[in-house]
């Protein structure tokens, strides 16, 4: 494996734990559906839809019902903030000449547009759908990997 892609043991462990969070999402939602008097859809982690729901809920409703999706979005931000503080790795970033702000803005706009157009993001459509062995999710993941590889080759190839 090229040196560029080598990771430490801690990164590998946290990657596995992140994958297990998808399983935990299925288990917790299934438990909630079994023990609720209301119909509760069984689903796992997705970010694009819940982010839009959270934003629209904060804009349109005086009180937001606490659901798995509504709790997920701020929970990820608060959890990552807490982890960075505990690990003493928290610091504010800013764009510099080397980070190329336009590249990030174009990428973020394309990801947001694509996520909304597709009705989901790579996490929800690919990873969570892939955990169900859905053929469409694996097809979507394949083309996400292909597109990411092509973009990396186009943007970062040696001149």
Foldseek 3Di string as FASTA:
>chain_A
DDPVPDDDPVVVVVVVVVLVQQVVQQVVQVVCCVPDPDHGDRFGDFQLVLVVVLVVCVVPPPDDDDDPSNCVPVVVVVVVVVVCVVVVNDDDDDDDPVNPPVVVVVVVVVQNVVQVVVVTHLCRQASSVVVVVDPRNPVVVVVVVVVVVVVCCVPPPDD
